[in-house]
Amino acid sequence: GAGPAGAAEIVRALVRVYLESPLDEDNRSGAATALTAILDDPAARVRRVMAEALAESADAPRVVIRALAEDQADIAHLILSRSPVLTDAELVDMVGGGYERVRISIASRPQVSIGISAAIAEVAGPDACVALLDNPGASITVSALKRMVERHRHDAAVRHCCLLSPSDAADKQP
């Protein structure tokens, strides 16, 4: 075989064809099937290349994005922090059921909705709350801010973000 480096180049090319070429439905479906099969590659490097190539595409195959979102931490972070394929409902579910690293990734997305922010405020640890509060693309309501303060009032980083910069916090509400 070509080894992980060769396989990574093949994956890059396949993703480029899938995203950039005008494929008919059969060829598009075949390319999606090939990408799905690559999820089973034991080399993390190959799956990471696929995650990097698909992370920001709204046209990435949903089944592939969902699987990569549950891969090892560094691969999942690429998808959770960027993919437009994941819906708010899916992201809220991941916040509710996820690990703190999942919550931190979601909190650092370019845009975080009020619903996702509320879920993070309700269940996340201080690190994910700080990531959310530091995110200029996060829409955070006053009630979510209050909830973070209630839950993490003993955490200096959360207090700093919430209480020492009230004008910044007020700017983040919709």
Protein backbone atom coordinates (compact mmCIF):
# COMPACT_ATOMS: atom_id res chain seq x y z
CA GLY A 1 0.00 0.00 0.00
CA ALA A 2 0.86 3.65 -0.19
CA GLY A 3 1.02 4.07 3.58
CA PRO A 4 -0.63 6.89 5.52
CA ALA A 5 1.14 9.68 3.58
CA GLY A 6 -0.01 8.31 0.23
CA ALA A 7 -3.47 7.59 1.55
CA ALA A 8 -3.69 11.17 2.88
CA GLU A 9 -2.89 12.54 -0.60
CA ILE A 10 -5.55 10.30 -2.14
CA VAL A 11 -8.08 11.55 0.44
CA ARG A 12 -7.20 15.19 -0.33
CA ALA A 13 -7.76 14.55 -4.03
CA LEU A 14 -11.04 12.69 -3.43
CA VAL A 15 -12.37 15.49 -1.21
CA ARG A 16 -11.37 18.07 -3.83
CA VAL A 17 -13.26 16.11 -6.52
CA TYR A 18 -16.29 15.71 -4.22
CA LEU A 19 -16.44 19.41 -3.29
CA GLU A 20 -15.25 21.12 -6.48
CA SER A 21 -16.20 18.98 -9.47
CA PRO A 22 -19.60 19.01 -11.15
CA LEU A 23 -20.51 15.38 -10.47
CA ASP A 24 -23.70 13.65 -11.53
CA GLU A 25 -25.73 11.99 -8.78
CA ASP A 26 -24.13 8.53 -9.26
CA ASN A 27 -20.57 9.83 -9.15
CA ARG A 28 -21.37 12.12 -6.20
CA SER A 29 -22.88 9.17 -4.34
CA GLY A 30 -19.85 7.03 -5.18
CA ALA A 31 -17.46 9.68 -3.90
CA ALA A 32 -19.50 10.01 -0.68
CA THR A 33 -19.40 6.24 -0.25
CA ALA A 34 -15.61 6.27 -0.70
CA LEU A 35 -15.26 9.05 1.90
CA THR A 36 -17.45 7.04 4.28
CA ALA A 37 -15.24 3.96 3.79
CA ILE A 38 -12.14 6.03 4.64
CA LEU A 39 -13.59 6.62 8.13
CA ASP A 40 -12.43 3.07 8.92
CA ASP A 41 -8.79 3.86 8.09
CA PRO A 42 -6.72 3.01 11.18
CA ALA A 43 -4.29 5.86 10.46
CA ALA A 44 -5.50 8.96 12.29
CA ARG A 45 -3.48 11.08 9.84
CA VAL A 46 -5.76 10.00 6.99
CA ARG A 47 -8.96 10.84 8.90
CA ARG A 48 -7.41 14.15 10.07
CA VAL A 49 -6.68 15.13 6.44
CA MET A 50 -10.29 14.36 5.57
CA ALA A 51 -11.54 16.42 8.54
CA GLU A 52 -9.30 19.37 7.58
CA ALA A 53 -10.53 19.25 3.99
CA LEU A 54 -14.24 18.94 4.86
CA ALA A 55 -14.47 21.00 8.08
CA GLU A 56 -15.64 24.28 6.54
CA SER A 57 -17.74 22.90 3.68
CA ALA A 58 -21.52 23.09 3.82
CA ASP A 59 -21.55 20.41 1.10
CA ALA A 60 -19.63 17.75 3.06
CA PRO A 61 -21.49 14.44 3.44
CA ARG A 62 -23.47 14.52 6.71
CA VAL A 63 -22.65 10.92 7.63
CA VAL A 64 -18.91 11.62 7.30
CA ILE A 65 -19.11 14.85 9.33
CA ARG A 66 -21.08 13.14 12.11
CA ALA A 67 -18.51 10.33 12.31
CA LEU A 68 -15.53 12.70 12.30
CA ALA A 69 -17.21 14.74 15.07
CA GLU A 70 -16.93 11.61 17.23
CA ASP A 71 -13.36 10.70 16.26
CA GLN A 72 -10.31 11.24 18.48
CA ALA A 73 -10.05 14.68 20.12
CA ASP A 74 -7.93 16.59 17.57
CA ILE A 75 -9.98 15.31 14.62
CA ALA A 76 -13.32 15.93 16.34
CA HIS A 77 -12.20 19.48 17.24
CA LEU A 78 -11.68 20.35 13.55
CA ILE A 79 -15.29 19.40 12.80
CA LEU A 80 -17.00 20.58 16.00
CA SER A 81 -15.36 23.99 15.89
CA ARG A 82 -16.08 24.69 12.20
CA SER A 83 -18.50 22.45 10.30
CA PRO A 84 -21.63 24.21 8.99
CA VAL A 85 -23.15 20.77 8.32
CA LEU A 86 -23.87 20.27 12.04
CA THR A 87 -27.22 21.78 13.04
CA ASP A 88 -27.84 23.76 16.21
CA ALA A 89 -29.98 20.88 17.50
CA GLU A 90 -27.12 18.41 16.95
CA LEU A 91 -24.63 20.76 18.60
CA VAL A 92 -26.91 21.29 21.62
CA ASP A 93 -27.23 17.49 21.95
CA MET A 94 -23.42 17.17 21.79
CA VAL A 95 -23.04 19.86 24.47
CA GLY A 96 -25.50 17.98 26.68
CA GLY A 97 -23.99 14.57 26.20
CA GLY A 98 -20.43 15.49 25.52
CA TYR A 99 -17.12 15.75 27.18
CA GLU A 100 -15.71 19.11 28.18
CA ARG A 101 -13.34 19.09 25.18
CA VAL A 102 -16.40 18.74 22.92
CA ARG A 103 -18.03 21.71 24.65
CA ILE A 104 -14.88 23.82 24.30
CA SER A 105 -14.73 23.05 20.56
CA ILE A 106 -18.39 23.98 20.09
CA ALA A 107 -17.98 27.15 22.18
CA SER A 108 -15.18 28.28 19.85
CA ARG A 109 -17.19 28.05 16.59
CA PRO A 110 -17.15 31.21 14.43
CA GLN A 111 -20.86 31.71 15.23
CA VAL A 112 -22.56 30.32 18.34
CA SER A 113 -26.32 30.71 18.57
CA ILE A 114 -28.28 31.74 21.65
CA GLY A 115 -29.50 28.14 22.05
CA ILE A 116 -26.02 26.63 21.97
CA SER A 117 -24.75 29.33 24.35
CA ALA A 118 -27.61 28.57 26.75
CA ALA A 119 -26.78 24.85 26.67
CA ILE A 120 -23.11 25.58 27.38
CA ALA A 121 -24.07 27.94 30.22
CA GLU A 122 -26.25 25.22 31.73
CA VAL A 123 -23.94 22.19 31.62
CA ALA A 124 -20.39 23.12 30.66
CA GLY A 125 -17.41 23.45 32.94
CA PRO A 126 -15.51 26.69 33.43
CA ASP A 127 -13.12 26.13 30.49
CA ALA A 128 -15.94 25.86 27.94
CA CYS A 129 -17.72 28.84 29.52
CA VAL A 130 -14.54 30.93 29.22
CA ALA A 131 -14.14 29.82 25.58
CA LEU A 132 -17.72 30.93 24.94
CA LEU A 133 -17.29 34.26 26.74
CA ASP A 134 -14.07 34.94 24.82
CA ASN A 135 -15.75 34.18 21.47
CA PRO A 136 -16.74 37.37 19.60
CA GLY A 137 -19.09 35.30 17.40
CA ALA A 138 -21.13 33.98 20.34
CA SER A 139 -24.65 35.26 20.98
CA ILE A 140 -25.08 35.15 24.76
CA THR A 141 -28.17 36.32 26.62
CA VAL A 142 -28.11 37.98 30.01
CA SER A 143 -29.81 34.91 31.50
CA ALA A 144 -27.04 32.67 30.13
CA LEU A 145 -24.42 35.00 31.61
CA LYS A 146 -26.20 34.87 34.97
CA ARG A 147 -26.33 31.08 34.79
CA MET A 148 -22.57 30.87 34.16
CA VAL A 149 -21.95 33.18 37.12
CA GLU A 150 -24.24 31.08 39.36
CA ARG A 151 -22.57 27.83 38.35
CA HIS A 152 -18.94 29.02 38.29
CA ARG A 153 -18.78 31.95 40.71
CA HIS A 154 -15.74 30.36 42.39
CA ASP A 155 -13.77 30.16 39.14
CA ALA A 156 -11.52 33.20 38.67
CA ALA A 157 -11.41 32.93 34.86
CA VAL A 158 -15.21 32.85 34.55
CA ARG A 159 -15.57 35.72 37.04
CA HIS A 160 -13.02 37.70 35.08
CA CYS A 161 -14.87 37.16 31.79
CA CYS A 162 -18.35 37.76 33.21
CA LEU A 163 -17.90 40.32 35.91
CA LEU A 164 -14.85 42.39 35.13
CA SER A 165 -15.99 43.27 31.61
CA PRO A 166 -19.74 43.90 31.84
CA SER A 167 -19.68 46.19 28.79
CA ASP A 168 -18.23 43.37 26.67
CA ALA A 169 -20.82 40.97 28.02
CA ALA A 170 -23.64 43.40 27.31
CA ASP A 171 -22.43 43.76 23.72
CA LYS A 172 -22.79 40.01 23.20
CA GLN A 173 -26.50 39.85 23.83
CA PRO A 174 -28.67 39.80 20.72
